[in-house]
Structure formats: structure tokens, C-alpha cells
Amino acid sequence: MKESKKLNITRREMILGTAAAVTVTLTSGTIDQVGDLGAPAEPRLVNHGVNFSVNGKKHELMLDTRTTLLDTLREHLNLTGTKKGCDHGQCGACTVLVNGRRINSCLSLALQHEGDSITTIEGLGTPKNLHPMQAAFIKHDGYQCGYCTPGQICSAVGVLNEIKSGIPSHVSQDLTGQPEMSNMEFRERMSGNICRCGAYSNIAEAFAEVAAKS
């Protein structure tokens, strides 16, 4: 009887062999999904219904499941006041209010908001009946190019709601429920909203005026 030969496999050979096996497995598993030229097949679109209220009006929509709330507002409901800035949740231009809380609509899928109440800049006020925050931004020149302004205003209104609800910030953990705060705390709360024109001081003045009257 012949002696069984011992396998002398190095760690490097084992890793290379495993990688090759995985590659073959993945290739064989996806070969039916590629075209004649080896290009990936088109992804299958899936639509789903969603119901929510926007600025007090109910909407029933059938949307691609990948559609963001931002694209739904702009492209399906023609509410273009909400701006698309970075599309990565870093600038705040797309801020809207959902059930009174501010969110970045570019980071949220529309289907996540079944039954929610959504407020955009168009729903806060009208040219003839401005929301106090809108009027204060005009009075204090809280904008220059204006692109970030809808998100700034919606976020500022959201900050007021947070303070009234007693939601603390990183700066102040001892809120009394009154809309009074330091300039530093306001800037901390609004730090997710970027103004490339640098109108931050005027924005803070506008907020302070509205907060003092709330």
C-alpha cells in the first residue's frame, strides 16, 4: 500500500485558490443575466403605491421604489421650491418638514412616508400671507443667491418646533421649552444647512426675531 502524500499548501496558495473558486461561482451565477456582448442586464423596475399629504393636500402616487422624496416633490408634484443641492444629505437645500420634524428629503425614499404629513416651502406661506420666518428672512436679508433659502427656512421652522418640544442640542442640554437660545446653539442646530453665500449672521437675526415672538 502506498503512503498517502501530505499536502503542503502555503497560505498564499490557499487564498489564491479560494479567490479563484469564488470568481467562478459568481460568474456562473450571473451568466444568464448578461447580454450577447457581456453587458449587465437592465435592472427590473418595481413600482409601488404610496399615500401621503403634502401641504395639506392628499396624494396617491405609483412610484418606482427607488424614488426619493425630493424627486417625488420636484418631478411628480411639481413643487420645485425644494432644491436639489448635493443630493447626498450634506448641504440641507432639500430640507422639508415631515410631521413637523425636519429631514433631508434627498436621503429619504418616498415610500417611507406612507400616511405622513409633509410640508415644503410652498406650504409654509404665500406671497400675500408669508410665514413669520419667511417674512423675517426678507426683513433681515437672510439670503443672497437664494438657492439654499427654502431649506434654511424649513430648517429654522423645524428648530423652533424642536425647542418647543424640549429636544436638546449638542450645545444646550437644559432647555426650558421656551424658544430662547444663544446664537451659538442656533448655529449648532442649523449646521446641516450650508449657505455658500455666507449669510449666516442675517439668518440668525431672522430666527432670533421670530423666536422672540413665538
Protein backbone atom coordinates (compact mmCIF):
# COMPACT_ATOMS: atom_id res chain seq x y z
CA MET A 1 0.00 0.00 0.00
CA LYS A 2 1.33 3.38 -0.98
CA GLU A 3 1.72 6.05 1.65
CA SER A 4 -0.69 8.97 1.31
CA LYS A 5 1.13 12.10 0.29
CA LYS A 6 0.84 15.07 2.63
CA LEU A 7 -0.44 18.31 1.09
CA ASN A 8 1.94 21.19 1.59
CA ILE A 9 -0.17 24.26 0.71
CA THR A 10 1.03 27.71 1.65
CA ARG A 11 -1.28 30.37 2.99
CA ARG A 12 -0.81 32.39 -0.21
CA GLU A 13 -1.80 29.43 -2.39
CA MET A 14 -4.89 28.84 -0.25
CA ILE A 15 -6.04 32.47 -0.61
CA LEU A 16 -5.48 32.46 -4.37
CA GLY A 17 -7.35 29.19 -4.75
CA THR A 18 -10.32 30.45 -2.71
CA ALA A 19 -10.47 33.66 -4.72
CA ALA A 20 -10.48 31.71 -7.98
CA ALA A 21 -13.30 29.47 -6.75
CA VAL A 22 -15.41 32.43 -5.67
CA THR A 23 -14.86 34.12 -9.04
CA VAL A 24 -16.01 31.04 -10.93
CA THR A 25 -19.08 30.71 -8.70
CA LEU A 26 -20.11 34.33 -9.13
CA THR A 27 -19.55 34.22 -12.88
CA SER A 28 -21.61 31.06 -13.33
CA GLY A 29 -24.37 32.50 -11.18
CA THR A 30 -24.76 35.65 -13.27
CA ILE A 31 -24.03 34.34 -16.75
CA ASP A 32 -27.74 34.11 -17.58
CA GLN A 33 -28.23 37.79 -16.69
CA VAL A 34 -25.84 39.26 -19.24
CA GLY A 35 -26.47 40.09 -22.86
CA ASP A 36 -24.73 38.90 -26.01
CA LEU A 37 -21.96 41.47 -25.57
CA GLY A 38 -21.46 40.70 -21.90
CA ALA A 39 -23.18 43.90 -20.66
CA PRO A 40 -25.20 43.69 -17.43
CA ALA A 41 -28.93 43.30 -17.95
CA GLU A 42 -31.20 46.28 -17.27
CA PRO A 43 -32.46 46.34 -13.66
CA ARG A 44 -36.10 45.38 -13.26
CA LEU A 45 -38.23 48.38 -12.28
CA VAL A 46 -40.65 47.89 -9.42
CA ASN A 47 -43.48 50.36 -8.82
CA HIS A 48 -45.42 50.67 -5.59
CA GLY A 49 -48.25 52.87 -4.37
CA VAL A 50 -47.89 55.43 -1.61
CA ASN A 51 -50.31 57.84 0.05
CA PHE A 52 -49.33 60.97 1.92
CA SER A 53 -50.30 64.59 2.41
CA VAL A 54 -48.21 67.45 1.02
CA ASN A 55 -49.01 70.98 2.15
CA GLY A 56 -52.44 69.86 3.29
CA LYS A 57 -53.33 68.10 0.04
CA LYS A 58 -53.59 64.31 -0.15
CA HIS A 59 -51.72 62.48 -2.89
CA GLU A 60 -51.89 58.88 -4.08
CA LEU A 61 -48.92 58.03 -6.27
CA MET A 62 -47.47 55.00 -8.02
CA LEU A 63 -43.69 55.32 -7.89
CA ASP A 64 -40.51 53.43 -8.64
CA THR A 65 -39.48 52.06 -5.25
CA ARG A 66 -36.12 53.82 -5.57
CA THR A 67 -37.62 57.32 -5.92
CA THR A 68 -36.54 59.76 -3.22
CA LEU A 69 -38.94 62.11 -1.51
CA LEU A 70 -37.03 65.01 -3.07
CA ASP A 71 -37.50 63.73 -6.63
CA THR A 72 -41.15 62.95 -5.88
CA LEU A 73 -41.79 66.53 -4.78
CA ARG A 74 -39.94 68.11 -7.71
CA GLU A 75 -40.66 65.75 -10.60
CA HIS A 76 -44.03 64.22 -9.72
CA LEU A 77 -45.77 67.02 -7.78
CA ASN A 78 -44.02 70.00 -9.45
CA LEU A 79 -43.08 71.50 -6.08
CA THR A 80 -39.72 72.86 -7.19
CA GLY A 81 -39.21 75.18 -4.23
CA THR A 82 -37.38 72.32 -2.51
CA LYS A 83 -33.91 72.37 -4.07
CA LYS A 84 -31.54 69.60 -5.04
CA GLY A 85 -28.08 70.64 -3.93
CA CYS A 86 -25.54 67.92 -3.15
CA ASP A 87 -28.04 65.01 -3.31
CA HIS A 88 -26.02 63.39 -0.50
CA GLY A 89 -27.56 64.96 2.62
CA GLN A 90 -24.66 67.32 3.19
CA CYS A 91 -25.99 70.78 2.25
CA GLY A 92 -29.57 70.94 3.59
CA ALA A 93 -31.02 72.64 0.48
CA CYS A 94 -33.67 69.89 0.26
CA THR A 95 -34.92 70.23 3.85
CA VAL A 96 -38.66 69.74 4.33
CA LEU A 97 -40.87 69.10 7.35
CA VAL A 98 -42.38 65.65 7.90
CA ASN A 99 -44.93 65.56 10.71
CA GLY A 100 -43.33 68.76 11.99
CA ARG A 101 -39.78 67.36 12.03
CA ARG A 102 -37.14 68.48 9.51
CA ILE A 103 -35.46 65.95 7.27
CA ASN A 104 -33.20 65.89 4.21
CA SER A 105 -35.61 64.77 1.51
CA CYS A 106 -32.78 63.58 -0.75
CA LEU A 107 -31.92 60.84 1.76
CA SER A 108 -35.46 59.58 2.24
CA LEU A 109 -37.42 57.29 -0.07
CA ALA A 110 -40.95 58.41 -0.85
CA LEU A 111 -42.33 55.00 0.12
CA GLN A 112 -41.08 55.52 3.66
CA HIS A 113 -43.67 58.25 4.19
CA GLU A 114 -46.92 56.36 3.89
CA GLY A 115 -49.57 58.37 5.75
CA ASP A 116 -47.19 61.21 6.67
CA SER A 117 -47.89 64.93 6.55
CA ILE A 118 -45.20 66.74 4.55
CA THR A 119 -44.69 70.50 4.42
CA THR A 120 -42.48 72.18 1.82
CA ILE A 121 -41.55 75.84 1.45
CA GLU A 122 -44.66 76.31 -0.69
CA GLY A 123 -46.83 75.12 2.19
CA LEU A 124 -45.43 77.47 4.84
CA GLY A 125 -46.88 80.63 3.37
CA THR A 126 -47.86 82.53 0.23
CA PRO A 127 -46.60 85.83 -1.20
CA LYS A 128 -49.70 87.51 0.24
CA ASN A 129 -49.61 85.63 3.54
CA LEU A 130 -46.00 84.90 4.45
CA HIS A 131 -44.98 82.63 7.29
CA PRO A 132 -43.29 84.72 10.04
CA MET A 133 -39.98 83.00 9.26
CA GLN A 134 -40.27 83.87 5.58
CA ALA A 135 -41.05 87.49 6.42
CA ALA A 136 -38.09 87.67 8.82
CA PHE A 137 -35.69 86.29 6.20
CA ILE A 138 -36.80 89.05 3.83
CA LYS A 139 -36.53 91.73 6.50
CA HIS A 140 -33.03 90.68 7.61
CA ASP A 141 -31.69 89.78 4.14
CA GLY A 142 -31.22 86.17 5.18
CA TYR A 143 -30.29 85.16 1.65
CA GLN A 144 -28.22 86.21 -1.35
CA CYS A 145 -28.44 83.83 -4.31
CA GLY A 146 -31.47 82.23 -2.64
CA TYR A 147 -30.77 78.64 -3.65
CA CYS A 148 -30.42 77.37 -0.09
CA THR A 149 -33.15 79.65 1.31
CA PRO A 150 -36.12 77.21 1.13
CA GLY A 151 -34.14 74.63 3.07
CA GLN A 152 -32.85 77.24 5.51
CA ILE A 153 -36.37 78.47 6.25
CA CYS A 154 -37.85 74.98 6.63
CA SER A 155 -34.97 74.02 8.90
CA ALA A 156 -35.38 77.16 11.01
CA VAL A 157 -39.08 76.39 11.46
CA GLY A 158 -38.08 72.85 12.42
CA VAL A 159 -35.65 74.22 15.01
CA LEU A 160 -38.47 76.23 16.60
CA ASN A 161 -40.57 73.06 16.79
CA GLU A 162 -37.66 71.19 18.39
CA ILE A 163 -37.19 73.83 21.07
CA LYS A 164 -40.88 73.98 21.89
CA SER A 165 -40.86 70.19 22.21
CA GLY A 166 -37.84 70.31 24.53
CA ILE A 167 -35.50 68.45 22.19
CA PRO A 168 -31.92 69.29 23.29
CA SER A 169 -28.99 70.07 21.04
CA HIS A 170 -25.32 69.23 21.49
CA VAL A 171 -24.72 72.74 22.85
CA SER A 172 -27.55 73.02 25.33
CA GLN A 173 -28.93 70.10 27.33
CA ASP A 174 -31.04 72.28 29.66
CA LEU A 175 -33.88 73.64 27.52
CA THR A 176 -36.91 75.05 29.32
CA GLY A 177 -39.35 74.61 26.44
CA GLN A 178 -39.13 78.30 25.58
CA PRO A 179 -37.89 79.43 22.12
CA GLU A 180 -34.84 81.21 23.56
CA MET A 181 -31.32 80.16 22.81
CA SER A 182 -27.86 81.50 22.30
CA ASN A 183 -26.57 82.37 18.86
CA MET A 184 -24.08 79.50 19.25
CA GLU A 185 -26.82 76.97 19.92
CA PHE A 186 -28.85 78.16 16.94
CA ARG A 187 -25.82 77.83 14.68
CA GLU A 188 -25.21 74.33 16.03
CA ARG A 189 -28.78 73.28 15.28
CA MET A 190 -28.61 74.79 11.78
CA SER A 191 -25.14 73.41 10.98
CA GLY A 192 -26.58 70.95 8.48
CA ASN A 193 -27.78 73.81 6.27
CA ILE A 194 -24.99 75.30 4.18
CA CYS A 195 -25.14 78.85 2.76
CA ARG A 196 -22.38 79.20 0.21
CA CYS A 197 -23.01 82.97 0.08
CA GLY A 198 -22.28 83.25 3.82
CA ALA A 199 -25.48 84.91 5.03
CA TYR A 200 -25.34 83.11 8.39
CA SER A 201 -25.45 86.22 10.60
CA ASN A 202 -28.57 87.52 8.86
CA ILE A 203 -30.20 84.10 9.07
CA ALA A 204 -29.51 84.04 12.82
CA GLU A 205 -31.03 87.51 13.20
CA ALA A 206 -34.15 86.45 11.33
CA PHE A 207 -34.57 83.38 13.52
CA ALA A 208 -33.98 85.35 16.72
CA GLU A 209 -36.78 87.78 15.83
CA VAL A 210 -39.28 85.01 15.16
CA ALA A 211 -38.24 83.04 18.23
CA ALA A 212 -38.69 86.06 20.46
CA LYS A 213 -42.29 86.43 19.27
CA SER A 214 -43.19 82.73 19.47
